[in-house]
Amino acid sequence: MNTKIQRHKIKQKLRANKKLMMRLLYPEDNYTWGEKNKVVEFMNDLLSEIPKNIWPENKEDYFIVKDGNWRLDFMWTDDKRAVNLIYFNDDHTAWVIENKNGKFVNFDIGGS
């Protein structure tokens, strides 16, 4: 796996979705990341083309991709693949974890 190429592809996906991510982060008439089902749907779409080998082999490590004020942390949580979407100007994050069916589900969306 060429992590430099993968990192570039992930940055492009983040850049292409910045407006949507802001709408998900600050939904109208709701709290931060308040529309959790939409966030989970977005995260599954965002992660659908990312190869599984992007997650670090060592389950204690992180693979981090930054683009502007956004960051994606690829990690392991409870021995499952997990991803945390972070906006640097807000302490609430969109953290999802993979279920047994290979879909990402809410782990701590809106937590800080």
Protein backbone atom coordinates (compact mmCIF):
# COMPACT_ATOMS: atom_id res chain seq x y z
CA MET A 1 0.00 0.00 0.00
CA ASN A 2 1.31 3.40 -0.91
CA THR A 3 0.16 5.56 2.01
CA LYS A 4 1.17 8.77 0.23
CA ILE A 5 -1.23 8.03 -2.64
CA GLN A 6 -3.98 6.89 -0.26
CA ARG A 7 -3.53 9.98 1.91
CA HIS A 8 -3.87 12.18 -1.20
CA LYS A 9 -7.07 10.39 -2.27
CA ILE A 10 -8.57 10.76 1.20
CA LYS A 11 -7.67 14.47 1.26
CA GLN A 12 -9.44 14.90 -2.09
CA LYS A 13 -12.56 13.23 -0.67
CA LEU A 14 -12.47 15.50 2.38
CA ARG A 15 -11.99 18.59 0.23
CA ALA A 16 -14.87 17.61 -2.06
CA ASN A 17 -17.21 17.16 0.93
CA LYS A 18 -16.31 20.19 3.08
CA LYS A 19 -19.67 21.95 2.62
CA LEU A 20 -21.59 18.78 3.43
CA MET A 21 -19.41 18.07 6.45
CA MET A 22 -20.09 21.58 7.79
CA ARG A 23 -23.85 21.07 7.33
CA LEU A 24 -23.58 17.75 9.17
CA LEU A 25 -21.46 19.28 11.94
CA TYR A 26 -23.83 22.21 12.44
CA PRO A 27 -27.29 21.08 11.30
CA GLU A 28 -30.00 23.69 11.29
CA ASP A 29 -32.15 23.65 14.45
CA ASN A 30 -30.12 20.83 15.99
CA TYR A 31 -27.05 20.33 18.13
CA THR A 32 -23.53 19.56 16.89
CA TRP A 33 -23.51 16.39 14.71
CA GLY A 34 -27.18 16.15 15.72
CA GLU A 35 -28.44 14.22 12.71
CA LYS A 36 -26.57 11.05 13.58
CA ASN A 37 -28.19 8.85 10.92
CA LYS A 38 -27.10 11.27 8.20
CA VAL A 39 -23.60 11.38 9.68
CA VAL A 40 -23.36 7.57 9.70
CA GLU A 41 -24.61 7.44 6.10
CA PHE A 42 -22.03 10.04 5.07
CA MET A 43 -19.20 8.27 6.88
CA ASN A 44 -20.05 4.95 5.20
CA ASP A 45 -20.05 6.69 1.83
CA LEU A 46 -16.78 8.48 2.60
CA LEU A 47 -15.10 5.26 3.73
CA SER A 48 -16.54 2.97 1.05
CA GLU A 49 -13.56 3.29 -1.29
CA ILE A 50 -10.85 3.29 1.33
CA PRO A 51 -8.92 0.00 1.44
CA LYS A 52 -8.88 -1.91 4.72
CA ASN A 53 -5.10 -1.93 4.78
CA ILE A 54 -5.08 1.84 5.46
CA TRP A 55 -5.72 1.07 9.14
CA PRO A 56 -2.46 0.65 11.03
CA GLU A 57 -1.19 -2.89 11.55
CA ASN A 58 -0.37 -2.06 15.15
CA LYS A 59 -3.73 -1.59 16.84
CA GLU A 60 -2.25 1.00 19.18
CA ASP A 61 -1.34 3.34 16.30
CA TYR A 62 -3.34 5.86 14.27
CA PHE A 63 -3.26 6.76 10.60
CA ILE A 64 -4.14 10.46 10.43
CA VAL A 65 -5.13 12.46 7.36
CA LYS A 66 -5.43 16.26 7.67
CA ASP A 67 -6.90 18.66 5.15
CA GLY A 68 -7.43 22.27 6.17
CA ASN A 69 -9.44 22.32 9.40
CA TRP A 70 -10.55 18.70 8.99
CA ARG A 71 -8.90 15.51 10.15
CA LEU A 72 -9.70 11.81 9.84
CA ASP A 73 -8.18 9.42 12.36
CA PHE A 74 -8.09 5.77 11.32
CA MET A 75 -7.67 3.56 14.37
CA TRP A 76 -8.76 0.42 16.16
CA THR A 77 -11.36 0.50 18.94
CA ASP A 78 -12.33 -2.68 20.77
CA ASP A 79 -10.43 -4.62 18.06
CA LYS A 80 -12.67 -3.14 15.36
CA ARG A 81 -11.84 -0.64 12.64
CA ALA A 82 -12.86 2.86 13.68
CA VAL A 83 -12.69 6.36 12.22
CA ASN A 84 -13.03 9.72 13.89
CA LEU A 85 -13.87 12.82 11.82
CA ILE A 86 -12.66 15.96 13.56
CA TYR A 87 -13.12 19.65 12.81
CA PHE A 88 -10.32 21.57 14.51
CA ASN A 89 -12.51 24.51 15.55
CA ASP A 90 -14.98 22.34 17.48
CA ASP A 91 -14.37 19.75 20.18
CA HIS A 92 -17.25 17.47 19.07
CA THR A 93 -16.34 14.65 16.71
CA ALA A 94 -18.02 12.05 14.51
CA TRP A 95 -16.61 8.73 15.67
CA VAL A 96 -17.81 5.55 13.97
CA ILE A 97 -16.88 1.90 14.40
CA GLU A 98 -17.27 -1.07 12.08
CA ASN A 99 -19.94 -3.62 12.97
CA LYS A 100 -19.85 -7.35 12.20
CA ASN A 101 -21.52 -6.71 8.80
CA GLY A 102 -18.72 -4.39 7.68
CA LYS A 103 -20.77 -1.20 8.03
CA PHE A 104 -19.73 1.73 10.17
CA VAL A 105 -22.11 2.64 12.98
CA ASN A 106 -22.30 5.35 15.61
CA PHE A 107 -19.67 4.87 18.31
CA ASP A 108 -19.60 8.39 19.73
CA ILE A 109 -20.98 10.90 17.25
CA GLY A 110 -21.21 14.31 18.86
CA GLY A 111 -18.92 13.43 21.75
CA SER A 112 -15.87 15.42 22.66
